[in-house]
Structure formats: C-alpha cells, structure tokens
Amino acid sequence: MPSAAQQPAGVRRRPVRVLVAKPGLDGHDRGAKVVAAALRDAGMEVIYTGLHQTPEMIATAAVQEDVDVVGLSILSGAHMTLFPRIQQLLRDAGRGDVLVIGGGIIPQEDITDLESRGVARLFGPGAATTEIVAFIQQWAASRPE
C-alpha cells in the first residue's frame, strides 16, 4: 500500500465512518436503517446506535467511534433542539470537524435555520439514498486526511 504521501489526491486511507442515530423519542427507524444499509453498500463503515438516543449518547459514540459523519433521523419535531445540542456537544469534545447531516419531517424554514447553524444538509422524506451517499462522498473527497 502506498504511503500517505504517495497516494493520489482524493484517495482516502480508510473508509468514511458514519454514525447513524435516532435521537429523542422517535419509535420509527425504518428510514434510518435503509440509509445505513445504503451507506454500508457504498463502502462506508456505519455505526447505528438504535432508537431513543440522547444527544450526550450520540456525541459520546461519535467521539469514541472516531466518525467522520453523524447522520440524525428525526421525526418527532424536536429537531430545533436536538441538532444544535448534538453539534455543541461535538464541538465541546473537540470534534467540531464532524459533518452533521440529517433527515426526517422538518419544515423548510427550520431546514434553512439549521443549515445556517452548521448542519451540512437535511434530506426530506423520499430523498434518494443515492443522493445521500453522493453528498457524503463529495464531502469526503474534498477533505484533506
């Protein structure tokens, strides 16, 4: 295997690591599991934390697992509280570099607000998994390792 200095630009030394989480009281995780499977099929390492995760549990898992991306699936309407809290916990842990994305039932005005606060991208119901995969791949390709 070539050293990091010999690797061509845009070639990652390891797969993108993604934490998929369901914060709050949501009881429906089919969409999160579909997205997790699509990311795994695209060659990413995926950690799925399961239902009913607190922001603290998600941030701790993201740090412990050394993830590149946190994907949150929220259907409960608590997105304006949960996204900022998780972002703050990641920053407090020295991991403000983690890409935070999400999906669920989120009104457009809240999407605009959350994206202005640093959530990289929010995907609505019916978003193609290929769109989510491509977004993460493009982000990862643009990052120095």
C-alpha atoms as a PDB file:
ATOM      1  CA  MET A   1       0.000   0.000   0.000  1.00  0.00           C
ATOM      2  CA  PRO A   2       1.428   3.415  -0.873  1.00  0.00           C
ATOM      3  CA  SER A   3       2.309   5.808   1.931  1.00  0.00           C
ATOM      4  CA  ALA A   4       0.034   8.773   2.550  1.00  0.00           C
ATOM      5  CA  ALA A   5       2.480  10.966   0.641  1.00  0.00           C
ATOM      6  CA  GLN A   6       2.334   8.629  -2.373  1.00  0.00           C
ATOM      7  CA  GLN A   7      -1.438   8.239  -2.500  1.00  0.00           C
ATOM      8  CA  PRO A   8      -3.213  10.117  -5.272  1.00  0.00           C
ATOM      9  CA  ALA A   9      -5.259  13.145  -4.243  1.00  0.00           C
ATOM     10  CA  GLY A  10      -8.815  12.282  -3.272  1.00  0.00           C
ATOM     11  CA  VAL A  11      -7.954   8.698  -2.241  1.00  0.00           C
ATOM     12  CA  ARG A  12      -8.846   8.025   1.374  1.00  0.00           C
ATOM     13  CA  ARG A  13      -6.719   5.786   3.531  1.00  0.00           C
ATOM     14  CA  ARG A  14      -9.789   4.409   5.275  1.00  0.00           C
ATOM     15  CA  PRO A  15     -13.490   4.249   4.570  1.00  0.00           C
ATOM     16  CA  VAL A  16     -15.719   7.103   5.670  1.00  0.00           C
ATOM     17  CA  ARG A  17     -17.107   6.327   9.127  1.00  0.00           C
ATOM     18  CA  VAL A  18     -20.736   7.327   9.683  1.00  0.00           C
ATOM     19  CA  LEU A  19     -22.753   7.234  12.875  1.00  0.00           C
ATOM     20  CA  VAL A  20     -26.495   6.959  12.184  1.00  0.00           C
ATOM     21  CA  ALA A  21     -28.618   7.885  15.177  1.00  0.00           C
ATOM     22  CA  LYS A  22     -32.243   8.318  16.224  1.00  0.00           C
ATOM     23  CA  PRO A  23     -32.300  10.980  18.916  1.00  0.00           C
ATOM     24  CA  GLY A  24     -35.268  11.587  21.145  1.00  0.00           C
ATOM     25  CA  LEU A  25     -38.483   9.691  21.456  1.00  0.00           C
ATOM     26  CA  ASP A  26     -38.978   8.579  17.849  1.00  0.00           C
ATOM     27  CA  GLY A  27     -40.139   4.989  17.645  1.00  0.00           C
ATOM     28  CA  HIS A  28     -39.764   4.568  13.886  1.00  0.00           C
ATOM     29  CA  ASP A  29     -36.347   3.725  12.470  1.00  0.00           C
ATOM     30  CA  ARG A  30     -37.014   2.098   9.112  1.00  0.00           C
ATOM     31  CA  GLY A  31     -35.680   5.110   7.184  1.00  0.00           C
ATOM     32  CA  ALA A  32     -32.532   5.259   9.306  1.00  0.00           C
ATOM     33  CA  LYS A  33     -31.908   1.559   8.673  1.00  0.00           C
ATOM     34  CA  VAL A  34     -32.436   1.973   4.914  1.00  0.00           C
ATOM     35  CA  VAL A  35     -29.953   4.862   4.845  1.00  0.00           C
ATOM     36  CA  ALA A  36     -27.461   2.910   6.983  1.00  0.00           C
ATOM     37  CA  ALA A  37     -27.649  -0.039   4.583  1.00  0.00           C
ATOM     38  CA  ALA A  38     -27.148   2.220   1.543  1.00  0.00           C
ATOM     39  CA  LEU A  39     -24.100   3.843   3.119  1.00  0.00           C
ATOM     40  CA  ARG A  40     -22.674   0.432   4.003  1.00  0.00           C
ATOM     41  CA  ASP A  41     -23.322  -0.801   0.455  1.00  0.00           C
ATOM     42  CA  ALA A  42     -21.388   2.246  -0.803  1.00  0.00           C
ATOM     43  CA  GLY A  43     -18.326   1.122   1.175  1.00  0.00           C
ATOM     44  CA  MET A  44     -18.724   3.286   4.265  1.00  0.00           C
ATOM     45  CA  GLU A  45     -18.327   1.990   7.798  1.00  0.00           C
ATOM     46  CA  VAL A  46     -21.652   2.538   9.567  1.00  0.00           C
ATOM     47  CA  ILE A  47     -22.424   2.510  13.257  1.00  0.00           C
ATOM     48  CA  TYR A  48     -26.159   2.507  14.010  1.00  0.00           C
ATOM     49  CA  THR A  49     -26.916   3.440  17.609  1.00  0.00           C
ATOM     50  CA  GLY A  50     -30.588   2.489  17.631  1.00  0.00           C
ATOM     51  CA  LEU A  51     -33.681   4.206  18.958  1.00  0.00           C
ATOM     52  CA  HIS A  52     -34.119   6.659  21.837  1.00  0.00           C
ATOM     53  CA  GLN A  53     -30.603   8.099  21.938  1.00  0.00           C
ATOM     54  CA  THR A  54     -29.864  11.220  23.962  1.00  0.00           C
ATOM     55  CA  PRO A  55     -27.667  13.933  22.450  1.00  0.00           C
ATOM     56  CA  GLU A  56     -24.996  13.005  25.002  1.00  0.00           C
ATOM     57  CA  MET A  57     -25.090   9.345  23.964  1.00  0.00           C
ATOM     58  CA  ILE A  58     -24.790  10.300  20.292  1.00  0.00           C
ATOM     59  CA  ALA A  59     -21.896  12.713  20.792  1.00  0.00           C
ATOM     60  CA  THR A  60     -20.066  10.243  23.038  1.00  0.00           C
ATOM     61  CA  ALA A  61     -20.482   7.446  20.489  1.00  0.00           C
ATOM     62  CA  ALA A  62     -19.302   9.747  17.675  1.00  0.00           C
ATOM     63  CA  VAL A  63     -16.127  10.589  19.592  1.00  0.00           C
ATOM     64  CA  GLN A  64     -15.468   7.010  20.737  1.00  0.00           C
ATOM     65  CA  GLU A  65     -16.008   5.607  17.244  1.00  0.00           C
ATOM     66  CA  ASP A  66     -13.911   8.381  15.623  1.00  0.00           C
ATOM     67  CA  VAL A  67     -16.580   9.034  12.993  1.00  0.00           C
ATOM     68  CA  ASP A  68     -16.383  11.472  10.121  1.00  0.00           C
ATOM     69  CA  VAL A  69     -20.154  11.960   9.803  1.00  0.00           C
ATOM     70  CA  VAL A  70     -23.137  11.956  12.136  1.00  0.00           C
ATOM     71  CA  GLY A  71     -26.473  11.355  10.428  1.00  0.00           C
ATOM     72  CA  LEU A  72     -29.533  12.078  12.533  1.00  0.00           C
ATOM     73  CA  SER A  73     -33.022  10.852  11.724  1.00  0.00           C
ATOM     74  CA  ILE A  74     -35.700  12.883  13.492  1.00  0.00           C
ATOM     75  CA  LEU A  75     -39.438  12.538  13.052  1.00  0.00           C
ATOM     76  CA  SER A  76     -40.550  13.857  16.442  1.00  0.00           C
ATOM     77  CA  GLY A  77     -40.421  17.585  15.734  1.00  0.00           C
ATOM     78  CA  ALA A  78     -37.601  18.139  18.235  1.00  0.00           C
ATOM     79  CA  HIS A  79     -35.040  18.927  15.517  1.00  0.00           C
ATOM     80  CA  MET A  80     -34.551  22.572  16.558  1.00  0.00           C
ATOM     81  CA  THR A  81     -33.392  21.393  19.984  1.00  0.00           C
ATOM     82  CA  LEU A  82     -31.620  18.128  19.153  1.00  0.00           C
ATOM     83  CA  PHE A  83     -29.448  19.161  16.188  1.00  0.00           C
ATOM     84  CA  PRO A  84     -27.917  22.224  17.923  1.00  0.00           C
ATOM     85  CA  ARG A  85     -27.359  20.281  21.152  1.00  0.00           C
ATOM     86  CA  ILE A  86     -25.503  17.478  19.375  1.00  0.00           C
ATOM     87  CA  GLN A  87     -23.429  19.988  17.398  1.00  0.00           C
ATOM     88  CA  GLN A  88     -22.475  21.783  20.632  1.00  0.00           C
ATOM     89  CA  LEU A  89     -21.531  18.530  22.365  1.00  0.00           C
ATOM     90  CA  LEU A  90     -19.332  17.573  19.404  1.00  0.00           C
ATOM     91  CA  ARG A  91     -17.616  20.982  19.498  1.00  0.00           C
ATOM     92  CA  ASP A  92     -17.147  20.698  23.268  1.00  0.00           C
ATOM     93  CA  ALA A  93     -15.475  17.311  22.729  1.00  0.00           C
ATOM     94  CA  GLY A  94     -13.103  18.801  20.165  1.00  0.00           C
ATOM     95  CA  ARG A  95     -14.922  17.225  17.226  1.00  0.00           C
ATOM     96  CA  GLY A  96     -16.417  20.238  15.523  1.00  0.00           C
ATOM     97  CA  ASP A  97     -14.984  18.781  12.294  1.00  0.00           C
ATOM     98  CA  VAL A  98     -17.644  16.046  12.171  1.00  0.00           C
ATOM     99  CA  LEU A  99     -20.092  16.510   9.303  1.00  0.00           C
ATOM    100  CA  VAL A 100     -23.630  16.645  10.714  1.00  0.00           C
ATOM    101  CA  ILE A 101     -26.445  15.749   8.344  1.00  0.00           C
ATOM    102  CA  GLY A 102     -29.972  14.584   8.911  1.00  0.00           C
ATOM    103  CA  GLY A 103     -33.365  13.722   7.682  1.00  0.00           C
ATOM    104  CA  GLY A 104     -36.931  13.460   8.732  1.00  0.00           C
ATOM    105  CA  ILE A 105     -40.012  15.608   8.840  1.00  0.00           C
ATOM    106  CA  ILE A 106     -38.523  19.098   9.017  1.00  0.00           C
ATOM    107  CA  PRO A 107     -40.284  22.237   7.728  1.00  0.00           C
ATOM    108  CA  GLN A 108     -38.364  24.245   5.108  1.00  0.00           C
ATOM    109  CA  GLU A 109     -37.948  27.275   7.381  1.00  0.00           C
ATOM    110  CA  ASP A 110     -36.330  25.041  10.014  1.00  0.00           C
ATOM    111  CA  ILE A 111     -34.095  23.457   7.366  1.00  0.00           C
ATOM    112  CA  THR A 112     -32.866  26.913   6.392  1.00  0.00           C
ATOM    113  CA  ASP A 113     -32.255  27.818  10.041  1.00  0.00           C
ATOM    114  CA  LEU A 114     -30.445  24.571  10.893  1.00  0.00           C
ATOM    115  CA  GLU A 115     -28.265  24.743   7.787  1.00  0.00           C
ATOM    116  CA  SER A 116     -27.326  28.339   8.698  1.00  0.00           C
ATOM    117  CA  ARG A 117     -26.248  26.966  12.093  1.00  0.00           C
ATOM    118  CA  GLY A 118     -23.877  24.463  10.518  1.00  0.00           C
ATOM    119  CA  VAL A 119     -25.950  21.370   9.785  1.00  0.00           C
ATOM    120  CA  ALA A 120     -24.459  20.457   6.416  1.00  0.00           C
ATOM    121  CA  ARG A 121     -27.557  19.049   4.745  1.00  0.00           C
ATOM    122  CA  LEU A 122     -31.058  17.893   5.595  1.00  0.00           C
ATOM    123  CA  PHE A 123     -32.857  15.309   3.490  1.00  0.00           C
ATOM    124  CA  GLY A 124     -36.636  15.145   3.454  1.00  0.00           C
ATOM    125  CA  PRO A 125     -38.992  12.218   3.104  1.00  0.00           C
ATOM    126  CA  GLY A 126     -38.455  10.379  -0.145  1.00  0.00           C
ATOM    127  CA  ALA A 127     -34.878  11.550  -0.617  1.00  0.00           C
ATOM    128  CA  ALA A 128     -32.967   9.039  -2.707  1.00  0.00           C
ATOM    129  CA  THR A 129     -30.309   7.137  -0.818  1.00  0.00           C
ATOM    130  CA  THR A 130     -28.027   7.721  -3.807  1.00  0.00           C
ATOM    131  CA  GLU A 131     -28.303  11.470  -3.129  1.00  0.00           C
ATOM    132  CA  ILE A 132     -27.249  10.972   0.500  1.00  0.00           C
ATOM    133  CA  VAL A 133     -24.356   8.692  -0.493  1.00  0.00           C
ATOM    134  CA  ALA A 134     -23.176  11.143  -3.168  1.00  0.00           C
ATOM    135  CA  PHE A 135     -23.322  14.086  -0.739  1.00  0.00           C
ATOM    136  CA  ILE A 136     -21.117  12.292   1.804  1.00  0.00           C
ATOM    137  CA  GLN A 137     -18.724  11.012  -0.860  1.00  0.00           C
ATOM    138  CA  GLN A 138     -18.291  14.507  -2.336  1.00  0.00           C
ATOM    139  CA  TRP A 139     -17.694  15.962   1.111  1.00  0.00           C
ATOM    140  CA  ALA A 140     -15.144  13.265   1.970  1.00  0.00           C
ATOM    141  CA  ALA A 141     -13.305  13.708  -1.349  1.00  0.00           C
ATOM    142  CA  SER A 142     -12.896  17.423  -0.668  1.00  0.00           C
ATOM    143  CA  ARG A 143     -11.321  16.926   2.773  1.00  0.00           C
ATOM    144  CA  PRO A 144      -7.648  16.518   3.473  1.00  0.00           C
ATOM    145  CA  GLU A 145      -6.993  13.436   5.561  1.00  0.00           C
END
